[in-house]
PDB file of N, CA and C in Angstrom:
ATOM      1  N   UNK A   1     -61.923  16.325  57.969  1.00  0.00           N
ATOM      2  CA  UNK A   1     -62.640  15.061  57.818  1.00  0.00           C
ATOM      3  C   UNK A   1     -63.190  15.047  56.493  1.00  0.00           C
ATOM      4  N   UNK A   2     -62.920  13.743  55.922  1.00  0.00           N
ATOM      5  CA  UNK A   2     -63.357  13.417  54.576  1.00  0.00           C
ATOM      6  C   UNK A   2     -64.557  12.608  54.467  1.00  0.00           C
ATOM      7  N   UNK A   3     -65.201  12.245  53.423  1.00  0.00           N
ATOM      8  CA  UNK A   3     -66.384  11.204  53.423  1.00  0.00           C
ATOM      9  C   UNK A   3     -65.563   9.968  53.657  1.00  0.00           C
ATOM     10  N   UNK A   4     -64.564   9.643  53.432  1.00  0.00           N
ATOM     11  CA  UNK A   4     -63.962   8.282  53.548  1.00  0.00           C
ATOM     12  C   UNK A   4     -64.042   8.058  55.173  1.00  0.00           C
ATOM     13  N   UNK A   5     -63.950   9.302  56.147  1.00  0.00           N
ATOM     14  CA  UNK A   5     -63.790   9.055  57.440  1.00  0.00           C
ATOM     15  C   UNK A   5     -65.153   8.682  57.671  1.00  0.00           C
ATOM     16  N   UNK A   6     -66.288   9.461  57.308  1.00  0.00           N
ATOM     17  CA  UNK A   6     -67.582   9.401  57.460  1.00  0.00           C
ATOM     18  C   UNK A   6     -68.093   7.727  57.154  1.00  0.00           C
ATOM     19  N   UNK A   7     -67.632   7.514  56.017  1.00  0.00           N
ATOM     20  CA  UNK A   7     -67.861   6.112  55.693  1.00  0.00           C
ATOM     21  C   UNK A   7     -67.376   5.295  56.900  1.00  0.00           C
ATOM     22  N   UNK A   8     -65.929   5.122  57.111  1.00  0.00           N
ATOM     23  CA  UNK A   8     -65.396   4.436  57.988  1.00  0.00           C
ATOM     24  C   UNK A   8     -66.050   4.495  59.279  1.00  0.00           C
ATOM     25  N   UNK A   9     -66.633   5.426  59.717  1.00  0.00           N
ATOM     26  CA  UNK A   9     -67.239   5.457  61.290  1.00  0.00           C
ATOM     27  C   UNK A   9     -68.610   4.556  61.119  1.00  0.00           C
ATOM     28  N   UNK A  10     -69.458   4.813  60.070  1.00  0.00           N
ATOM     29  CA  UNK A  10     -70.728   4.339  59.911  1.00  0.00           C
ATOM     30  C   UNK A  10     -70.373   2.906  59.651  1.00  0.00           C
ATOM     31  N   UNK A  11     -69.641   2.309  58.829  1.00  0.00           N
ATOM     32  CA  UNK A  11     -69.200   1.087  58.380  1.00  0.00           C
ATOM     33  C   UNK A  11     -68.744   0.324  59.683  1.00  0.00           C
ATOM     34  N   UNK A  12     -67.868   0.919  60.610  1.00  0.00           N
ATOM     35  CA  UNK A  12     -67.267   0.212  61.588  1.00  0.00           C
ATOM     36  C   UNK A  12     -68.044   0.229  62.833  1.00  0.00           C
ATOM     37  N   UNK A  13     -68.917   1.339  63.012  1.00  0.00           N
ATOM     38  CA  UNK A  13     -69.399   1.559  64.427  1.00  0.00           C
ATOM     39  C   UNK A  13     -70.986   1.697  64.211  1.00  0.00           C
ATOM     40  N   UNK A  14     -71.563   1.642  63.268  1.00  0.00           N
ATOM     41  CA  UNK A  14     -72.951   1.958  63.133  1.00  0.00           C
ATOM     42  C   UNK A  14     -73.532   0.947  62.133  1.00  0.00           C
ATOM     43  N   UNK A  15     -73.585  -0.492  62.222  1.00  0.00           N
ATOM     44  CA  UNK A  15     -74.099  -1.424  61.396  1.00  0.00           C
ATOM     45  C   UNK A  15     -75.370  -1.816  61.682  1.00  0.00           C
ATOM     46  N   UNK A  16     -76.332  -1.417  60.946  1.00  0.00           N
ATOM     47  CA  UNK A  16     -77.747  -1.732  60.826  1.00  0.00           C
ATOM     48  C   UNK A  16     -78.566  -0.669  61.985  1.00  0.00           C
ATOM     49  N   UNK A  17     -79.648  -0.834  61.495  1.00  0.00           N
ATOM     50  CA  UNK A  17     -80.634   0.325  62.215  1.00  0.00           C
ATOM     51  C   UNK A  17     -80.433   0.445  63.611  1.00  0.00           C
ATOM     52  N   UNK A  18     -80.472  -0.710  64.274  1.00  0.00           N
ATOM     53  CA  UNK A  18     -80.406  -0.767  65.741  1.00  0.00           C
ATOM     54  C   UNK A  18     -78.980  -0.109  66.293  1.00  0.00           C
ATOM     55  N   UNK A  19     -78.189   0.202  65.519  1.00  0.00           N
ATOM     56  CA  UNK A  19     -77.042   1.064  65.789  1.00  0.00           C
ATOM     57  C   UNK A  19     -76.843   2.147  65.116  1.00  0.00           C
ATOM     58  N   UNK A  20     -77.891   3.050  64.860  1.00  0.00           N
ATOM     59  CA  UNK A  20     -77.859   4.191  64.020  1.00  0.00           C
ATOM     60  C   UNK A  20     -77.365   5.110  65.038  1.00  0.00           C
ATOM     61  N   UNK A  21     -76.665   6.460  64.613  1.00  0.00           N
ATOM     62  CA  UNK A  21     -76.075   7.443  65.049  1.00  0.00           C
ATOM     63  C   UNK A  21     -76.831   8.614  64.786  1.00  0.00           C
ATOM     64  N   UNK A  22     -77.183   9.694  65.583  1.00  0.00           N
ATOM     65  CA  UNK A  22     -77.970  10.765  65.349  1.00  0.00           C
ATOM     66  C   UNK A  22     -76.894  11.660  64.641  1.00  0.00           C
ATOM     67  N   UNK A  23     -77.488  12.587  63.958  1.00  0.00           N
ATOM     68  CA  UNK A  23     -76.750  13.621  63.064  1.00  0.00           C
ATOM     69  C   UNK A  23     -75.821  14.339  64.009  1.00  0.00           C
ATOM     70  N   UNK A  24     -76.578  14.847  65.222  1.00  0.00           N
ATOM     71  CA  UNK A  24     -75.764  15.531  66.043  1.00  0.00           C
ATOM     72  C   UNK A  24     -74.610  14.833  66.845  1.00  0.00           C
ATOM     73  N   UNK A  25     -74.775  13.717  67.066  1.00  0.00           N
ATOM     74  CA  UNK A  25     -73.910  12.763  67.671  1.00  0.00           C
ATOM     75  C   UNK A  25     -72.588  12.446  66.516  1.00  0.00           C
ATOM     76  N   UNK A  26     -73.026  12.426  65.423  1.00  0.00           N
ATOM     77  CA  UNK A  26     -71.749  12.086  64.061  1.00  0.00           C
ATOM     78  C   UNK A  26     -71.182  13.488  64.112  1.00  0.00           C
ATOM     79  N   UNK A  27     -71.896  14.557  64.116  1.00  0.00           N
ATOM     80  CA  UNK A  27     -71.338  15.829  64.050  1.00  0.00           C
ATOM     81  C   UNK A  27     -70.290  16.120  65.184  1.00  0.00           C
ATOM     82  N   UNK A  28     -70.530  15.547  66.475  1.00  0.00           N
ATOM     83  CA  UNK A  28     -69.443  15.728  67.282  1.00  0.00           C
ATOM     84  C   UNK A  28     -68.614  15.039  67.449  1.00  0.00           C
ATOM     85  N   UNK A  29     -68.764  13.703  67.014  1.00  0.00           N
ATOM     86  CA  UNK A  29     -67.758  12.500  66.982  1.00  0.00           C
ATOM     87  C   UNK A  29     -66.829  12.956  65.966  1.00  0.00           C
ATOM     88  N   UNK A  30     -67.141  13.431  64.670  1.00  0.00           N
ATOM     89  CA  UNK A  30     -66.523  13.802  63.591  1.00  0.00           C
ATOM     90  C   UNK A  30     -66.100  15.185  63.412  1.00  0.00           C
ATOM     91  N   UNK A  31     -66.493  16.166  64.075  1.00  0.00           N
ATOM     92  CA  UNK A  31     -66.212  17.337  64.035  1.00  0.00           C
ATOM     93  C   UNK A  31     -66.577  17.956  62.848  1.00  0.00           C
ATOM     94  N   UNK A  32     -67.758  17.746  62.393  1.00  0.00           N
ATOM     95  CA  UNK A  32     -68.287  18.312  61.178  1.00  0.00           C
ATOM     96  C   UNK A  32     -69.770  19.000  61.391  1.00  0.00           C
ATOM     97  N   UNK A  33     -69.940  19.939  60.464  1.00  0.00           N
ATOM     98  CA  UNK A  33     -71.322  20.649  60.629  1.00  0.00           C
ATOM     99  C   UNK A  33     -72.369  19.469  59.977  1.00  0.00           C
ATOM    100  N   UNK A  34     -73.631  19.751  60.436  1.00  0.00           N
ATOM    101  CA  UNK A  34     -74.792  18.898  59.838  1.00  0.00           C
ATOM    102  C   UNK A  34     -74.829  18.979  58.615  1.00  0.00           C
ATOM    103  N   UNK A  35     -74.558  20.283  57.819  1.00  0.00           N
ATOM    104  CA  UNK A  35     -74.527  20.230  56.596  1.00  0.00           C
ATOM    105  C   UNK A  35     -73.461  19.476  55.835  1.00  0.00           C
ATOM    106  N   UNK A  36     -72.250  19.697  56.316  1.00  0.00           N
ATOM    107  CA  UNK A  36     -71.167  18.706  55.899  1.00  0.00           C
ATOM    108  C   UNK A  36     -71.565  17.226  55.970  1.00  0.00           C
ATOM    109  N   UNK A  37     -72.065  16.840  56.935  1.00  0.00           N
ATOM    110  CA  UNK A  37     -72.563  15.318  57.272  1.00  0.00           C
ATOM    111  C   UNK A  37     -73.546  14.944  55.879  1.00  0.00           C
ATOM    112  N   UNK A  38     -74.626  15.788  55.729  1.00  0.00           N
ATOM    113  CA  UNK A  38     -75.397  15.517  54.759  1.00  0.00           C
ATOM    114  C   UNK A  38     -75.024  15.392  53.452  1.00  0.00           C
ATOM    115  N   UNK A  39     -73.915  16.189  53.135  1.00  0.00           N
ATOM    116  CA  UNK A  39     -73.355  16.312  51.841  1.00  0.00           C
ATOM    117  C   UNK A  39     -72.375  14.957  51.572  1.00  0.00           C
ATOM    118  N   UNK A  40     -71.715  14.733  52.622  1.00  0.00           N
ATOM    119  CA  UNK A  40     -70.885  13.646  52.547  1.00  0.00           C
ATOM    120  C   UNK A  40     -71.724  12.317  52.556  1.00  0.00           C
ATOM    121  N   UNK A  41     -72.685  12.288  53.287  1.00  0.00           N
ATOM    122  CA  UNK A  41     -73.590  10.933  53.119  1.00  0.00           C
ATOM    123  C   UNK A  41     -74.428  11.001  51.643  1.00  0.00           C
ATOM    124  N   UNK A  42     -74.821  11.883  51.431  1.00  0.00           N
ATOM    125  CA  UNK A  42     -75.222  11.928  49.722  1.00  0.00           C
ATOM    126  C   UNK A  42     -74.067  11.492  48.777  1.00  0.00           C
ATOM    127  N   UNK A  43     -72.875  12.096  48.999  1.00  0.00           N
ATOM    128  CA  UNK A  43     -71.739  11.761  47.929  1.00  0.00           C
ATOM    129  C   UNK A  43     -71.625  10.196  48.002  1.00  0.00           C
ATOM    130  N   UNK A  44     -71.565   9.608  49.430  1.00  0.00           N
ATOM    131  CA  UNK A  44     -71.380   8.100  49.604  1.00  0.00           C
ATOM    132  C   UNK A  44     -72.664   7.399  48.884  1.00  0.00           C
ATOM    133  N   UNK A  45     -73.759   7.792  48.876  1.00  0.00           N
ATOM    134  CA  UNK A  45     -74.836   7.138  48.612  1.00  0.00           C
ATOM    135  C   UNK A  45     -74.919   7.206  46.922  1.00  0.00           C
ATOM    136  N   UNK A  46     -74.205   8.333  46.500  1.00  0.00           N
ATOM    137  CA  UNK A  46     -74.312   8.366  44.931  1.00  0.00           C
ATOM    138  C   UNK A  46     -73.167   7.401  44.461  1.00  0.00           C
ATOM    139  N   UNK A  47     -72.198   7.197  45.204  1.00  0.00           N
ATOM    140  CA  UNK A  47     -71.016   6.098  44.645  1.00  0.00           C
ATOM    141  C   UNK A  47     -71.671   4.866  44.997  1.00  0.00           C
ATOM    142  N   UNK A  48     -73.026   4.556  45.525  1.00  0.00           N
ATOM    143  CA  UNK A  48     -73.333   2.972  45.824  1.00  0.00           C
ATOM    144  C   UNK A  48     -73.146   2.640  47.075  1.00  0.00           C
ATOM    145  N   UNK A  49     -72.768   3.258  48.138  1.00  0.00           N
ATOM    146  CA  UNK A  49     -72.452   2.754  49.317  1.00  0.00           C
ATOM    147  C   UNK A  49     -73.712   2.918  50.157  1.00  0.00           C
ATOM    148  N   UNK A  50     -74.058   1.701  50.988  1.00  0.00           N
ATOM    149  CA  UNK A  50     -75.285   1.379  51.749  1.00  0.00           C
ATOM    150  C   UNK A  50     -75.548   2.320  52.777  1.00  0.00           C
ATOM    151  N   UNK A  51     -75.596   3.408  52.812  1.00  0.00           N
ATOM    152  CA  UNK A  51     -75.641   4.452  53.734  1.00  0.00           C
ATOM    153  C   UNK A  51     -77.210   4.683  54.141  1.00  0.00           C
ATOM    154  N   UNK A  52     -77.620   4.180  54.996  1.00  0.00           N
ATOM    155  CA  UNK A  52     -79.320   4.312  55.453  1.00  0.00           C
ATOM    156  C   UNK A  52     -79.305   5.412  56.353  1.00  0.00           C
ATOM    157  N   UNK A  53     -80.566   5.560  56.715  1.00  0.00           N
ATOM    158  CA  UNK A  53     -81.052   6.477  57.862  1.00  0.00           C
ATOM    159  C   UNK A  53     -82.490   6.211  58.139  1.00  0.00           C
ATOM    160  N   UNK A  54     -82.875   6.795  59.339  1.00  0.00           N
ATOM    161  CA  UNK A  54     -84.290   6.535  59.837  1.00  0.00           C
ATOM    162  C   UNK A  54     -84.480   7.651  60.810  1.00  0.00           C
ATOM    163  N   UNK A  55     -85.500   7.562  61.638  1.00  0.00           N
ATOM    164  CA  UNK A  55     -85.563   8.674  62.495  1.00  0.00           C
ATOM    165  C   UNK A  55     -84.695   8.845  63.639  1.00  0.00           C
ATOM    166  N   UNK A  56     -83.922   7.559  63.700  1.00  0.00           N
ATOM    167  CA  UNK A  56     -82.938   7.364  64.828  1.00  0.00           C
ATOM    168  C   UNK A  56     -81.475   8.090  64.514  1.00  0.00           C
ATOM    169  N   UNK A  57     -81.338   8.151  62.842  1.00  0.00           N
ATOM    170  CA  UNK A  57     -79.929   8.718  62.598  1.00  0.00           C
ATOM    171  C   UNK A  57     -79.565   8.079  61.403  1.00  0.00           C
ATOM    172  N   UNK A  58     -78.211   8.108  61.098  1.00  0.00           N
ATOM    173  CA  UNK A  58     -77.593   7.372  59.971  1.00  0.00           C
ATOM    174  C   UNK A  58     -77.122   5.989  60.431  1.00  0.00           C
ATOM    175  N   UNK A  59     -76.823   5.036  59.454  1.00  0.00           N
ATOM    176  CA  UNK A  59     -76.250   3.917  59.876  1.00  0.00           C
ATOM    177  C   UNK A  59     -75.827   3.139  58.397  1.00  0.00           C
ATOM    178  N   UNK A  60     -75.007   2.221  58.644  1.00  0.00           N
ATOM    179  CA  UNK A  60     -74.471   1.465  57.468  1.00  0.00           C
ATOM    180  C   UNK A  60     -75.307   0.187  57.334  1.00  0.00           C
ATOM    181  N   UNK A  61     -76.229   0.357  56.227  1.00  0.00           N
ATOM    182  CA  UNK A  61     -77.186  -0.662  55.999  1.00  0.00           C
ATOM    183  C   UNK A  61     -76.622  -2.209  56.166  1.00  0.00           C
ATOM    184  N   UNK A  62     -77.454  -3.204  56.778  1.00  0.00           N
ATOM    185  CA  UNK A  62     -77.004  -4.406  56.875  1.00  0.00           C
ATOM    186  C   UNK A  62     -77.619  -5.247  55.798  1.00  0.00           C
ATOM    187  N   UNK A  63     -78.930  -4.933  55.625  1.00  0.00           N
ATOM    188  CA  UNK A  63     -79.812  -5.929  54.484  1.00  0.00           C
ATOM    189  C   UNK A  63     -80.544  -4.848  53.545  1.00  0.00           C
ATOM    190  N   UNK A  64     -81.087  -5.494  52.832  1.00  0.00           N
ATOM    191  CA  UNK A  64     -81.808  -4.938  51.562  1.00  0.00           C
ATOM    192  C   UNK A  64     -83.064  -4.082  52.130  1.00  0.00           C
ATOM    193  N   UNK A  65     -83.659  -4.629  53.193  1.00  0.00           N
ATOM    194  CA  UNK A  65     -84.787  -4.039  53.970  1.00  0.00           C
ATOM    195  C   UNK A  65     -84.411  -2.705  54.399  1.00  0.00           C
ATOM    196  N   UNK A  66     -83.262  -2.470  55.095  1.00  0.00           N
ATOM    197  CA  UNK A  66     -82.776  -1.303  55.555  1.00  0.00           C
ATOM    198  C   UNK A  66     -82.542  -0.150  54.444  1.00  0.00           C
ATOM    199  N   UNK A  67     -82.325  -0.698  53.057  1.00  0.00           N
ATOM    200  CA  UNK A  67     -81.868   0.354  52.295  1.00  0.00           C
ATOM    201  C   UNK A  67     -83.305   0.726  51.528  1.00  0.00           C
ATOM    202  N   UNK A  68     -84.141  -0.345  51.169  1.00  0.00           N
ATOM    203  CA  UNK A  68     -85.627  -0.116  50.915  1.00  0.00           C
ATOM    204  C   UNK A  68     -86.143   1.117  51.636  1.00  0.00           C
ATOM    205  N   UNK A  69     -86.021   0.952  53.215  1.00  0.00           N
ATOM    206  CA  UNK A  69     -86.858   1.991  53.759  1.00  0.00           C
ATOM    207  C   UNK A  69     -86.087   3.141  53.691  1.00  0.00           C
ATOM    208  N   UNK A  70     -84.939   3.131  53.548  1.00  0.00           N
ATOM    209  CA  UNK A  70     -84.408   4.557  53.154  1.00  0.00           C
ATOM    210  C   UNK A  70     -84.810   5.171  51.871  1.00  0.00           C
ATOM    211  N   UNK A  71     -84.808   4.127  50.598  1.00  0.00           N
ATOM    212  CA  UNK A  71     -85.248   4.780  49.628  1.00  0.00           C
ATOM    213  C   UNK A  71     -86.565   5.288  49.623  1.00  0.00           C
ATOM    214  N   UNK A  72     -87.484   4.620  50.299  1.00  0.00           N
ATOM    215  CA  UNK A  72     -88.808   5.223  50.571  1.00  0.00           C
ATOM    216  C   UNK A  72     -89.051   6.488  51.179  1.00  0.00           C
ATOM    217  N   UNK A  73     -88.229   6.649  52.369  1.00  0.00           N
ATOM    218  CA  UNK A  73     -88.210   7.874  52.641  1.00  0.00           C
ATOM    219  C   UNK A  73     -87.483   9.109  51.832  1.00  0.00           C
ATOM    220  N   UNK A  74     -86.771   8.828  51.118  1.00  0.00           N
ATOM    221  CA  UNK A  74     -85.976   9.806  50.356  1.00  0.00           C
ATOM    222  C   UNK A  74     -86.985  10.209  48.849  1.00  0.00           C
ATOM    223  N   UNK A  75     -87.731   9.099  48.582  1.00  0.00           N
ATOM    224  CA  UNK A  75     -88.934   9.342  47.734  1.00  0.00           C
ATOM    225  C   UNK A  75     -89.974  10.312  48.298  1.00  0.00           C
ATOM    226  N   UNK A  76     -90.196   9.935  49.293  1.00  0.00           N
ATOM    227  CA  UNK A  76     -91.495  10.913  50.019  1.00  0.00           C
ATOM    228  C   UNK A  76     -90.905  12.268  50.297  1.00  0.00           C
ATOM    229  N   UNK A  77     -89.668  12.586  50.666  1.00  0.00           N
ATOM    230  CA  UNK A  77     -89.169  13.692  50.608  1.00  0.00           C
ATOM    231  C   UNK A  77     -89.037  14.543  49.359  1.00  0.00           C
ATOM    232  N   UNK A  78     -89.038  13.494  48.281  1.00  0.00           N
ATOM    233  CA  UNK A  78     -88.605  14.161  46.993  1.00  0.00           C
ATOM    234  C   UNK A  78     -90.113  14.637  46.456  1.00  0.00           C
ATOM    235  N   UNK A  79     -91.042  13.848  46.743  1.00  0.00           N
ATOM    236  CA  UNK A  79     -92.586  14.358  46.522  1.00  0.00           C
ATOM    237  C   UNK A  79     -92.728  15.634  47.152  1.00  0.00           C
ATOM    238  N   UNK A  80     -92.502  15.678  48.305  1.00  0.00           N
ATOM    239  CA  UNK A  80     -92.632  16.942  49.268  1.00  0.00           C
ATOM    240  C   UNK A  80     -91.888  18.188  48.432  1.00  0.00           C
ATOM    241  N   UNK A  81     -90.725  18.050  48.323  1.00  0.00           N
ATOM    242  CA  UNK A  81     -89.933  18.950  47.496  1.00  0.00           C
ATOM    243  C   UNK A  81     -90.544  19.466  46.079  1.00  0.00           C
ATOM    244  N   UNK A  82     -90.873  18.224  45.325  1.00  0.00           N
ATOM    245  CA  UNK A  82     -91.761  18.660  44.159  1.00  0.00           C
ATOM    246  C   UNK A  82     -93.027  19.648  44.358  1.00  0.00           C
ATOM    247  N   UNK A  83     -93.618  19.331  45.310  1.00  0.00           N
ATOM    248  CA  UNK A  83     -94.876  20.105  45.606  1.00  0.00           C
ATOM    249  C   UNK A  83     -94.515  21.430  45.846  1.00  0.00           C
ATOM    250  N   UNK A  84     -93.357  21.574  46.678  1.00  0.00           N
ATOM    251  CA  UNK A  84     -93.023  22.844  47.377  1.00  0.00           C
ATOM    252  C   UNK A  84     -92.737  23.663  45.843  1.00  0.00           C
ATOM    253  N   UNK A  85     -91.876  23.076  45.142  1.00  0.00           N
ATOM    254  CA  UNK A  85     -91.462  23.845  43.816  1.00  0.00           C
ATOM    255  C   UNK A  85     -92.887  24.226  43.096  1.00  0.00           C
ATOM    256  N   UNK A  86     -93.583  23.332  42.741  1.00  0.00           N
ATOM    257  CA  UNK A  86     -94.722  23.827  42.083  1.00  0.00           C
ATOM    258  C   UNK A  86     -95.642  24.861  42.545  1.00  0.00           C
ATOM    259  N   UNK A  87     -95.482  24.981  43.761  1.00  0.00           N
ATOM    260  CA  UNK A  87     -96.265  26.149  44.585  1.00  0.00           C
ATOM    261  C   UNK A  87     -95.445  27.327  44.325  1.00  0.00           C
ATOM    262  N   UNK A  88     -94.165  27.377  44.499  1.00  0.00           N
ATOM    263  CA  UNK A  88     -93.415  28.469  44.193  1.00  0.00           C
ATOM    264  C   UNK A  88     -93.542  28.975  42.725  1.00  0.00           C
ATOM    265  N   UNK A  89     -93.676  27.942  41.744  1.00  0.00           N
ATOM    266  CA  UNK A  89     -93.801  28.351  40.421  1.00  0.00           C
ATOM    267  C   UNK A  89     -95.096  28.962  40.483  1.00  0.00           C
ATOM    268  N   UNK A  90     -96.217  28.352  40.918  1.00  0.00           N
ATOM    269  CA  UNK A  90     -97.542  29.213  40.813  1.00  0.00           C
ATOM    270  C   UNK A  90     -97.326  30.618  41.424  1.00  0.00           C
ATOM    271  N   UNK A  91     -96.494  30.924  42.603  1.00  0.00           N
ATOM    272  CA  UNK A  91     -96.468  32.157  43.254  1.00  0.00           C
ATOM    273  C   UNK A  91     -95.846  33.058  42.195  1.00  0.00           C
ATOM    274  N   UNK A  92     -94.720  32.521  41.109  1.00  0.00           N
ATOM    275  CA  UNK A  92     -94.154  33.524  40.339  1.00  0.00           C
ATOM    276  C   UNK A  92     -95.281  34.440  39.562  1.00  0.00           C
ATOM    277  N   UNK A  93     -96.346  33.894  39.365  1.00  0.00           N
ATOM    278  CA  UNK A  93     -97.409  34.794  38.726  1.00  0.00           C
ATOM    279  C   UNK A  93     -97.692  35.912  39.471  1.00  0.00           C
ATOM    280  N   UNK A  94     -97.432  35.969  40.555  1.00  0.00           N
ATOM    281  CA  UNK A  94     -97.686  37.184  41.330  1.00  0.00           C
ATOM    282  C   UNK A  94     -96.816  38.219  41.075  1.00  0.00           C
ATOM    283  N   UNK A  95     -95.534  37.794  40.569  1.00  0.00           N
ATOM    284  CA  UNK A  95     -94.430  38.774  39.890  1.00  0.00           C
ATOM    285  C   UNK A  95     -94.385  38.892  38.558  1.00  0.00           C
ATOM    286  N   UNK A  96     -95.481  38.337  37.952  1.00  0.00           N
ATOM    287  CA  UNK A  96     -95.324  38.657  36.345  1.00  0.00           C
ATOM    288  C   UNK A  96     -94.494  37.732  35.680  1.00  0.00           C
ATOM    289  N   UNK A  97     -93.700  36.768  36.456  1.00  0.00           N
ATOM    290  CA  UNK A  97     -92.928  35.767  35.759  1.00  0.00           C
ATOM    291  C   UNK A  97     -93.627  34.504  35.663  1.00  0.00           C
ATOM    292  N   UNK A  98     -92.851  33.778  34.659  1.00  0.00           N
ATOM    293  CA  UNK A  98     -93.806  32.351  34.403  1.00  0.00           C
ATOM    294  C   UNK A  98     -92.375  31.320  34.677  1.00  0.00           C
ATOM    295  N   UNK A  99     -92.551  30.067  34.551  1.00  0.00           N
ATOM    296  CA  UNK A  99     -91.721  29.101  35.088  1.00  0.00           C
ATOM    297  C   UNK A  99     -91.130  28.558  33.708  1.00  0.00           C
TER     298      UNK A  99
END
């Protein structure tokens, strides 16, 4: 199953937040691992496809508000990752290493 299949499924069956599909259900439906789903969604987003997500799962965005909500969520995740990286860089001092 390729990213075009993930795109086709979301675009055809999961339009708008109200029709979001959980990662688990998407994995079952497309016979893919969660990791494969995330990689394919990321690739689609990088191509400019409006694949959005919420606590309910993935969906094909129907409007700008749904895309903005996903952007805000991703930025929040990025801040958390940046903080984790900074903490690990500080931990390197324990091993006599710098960043």
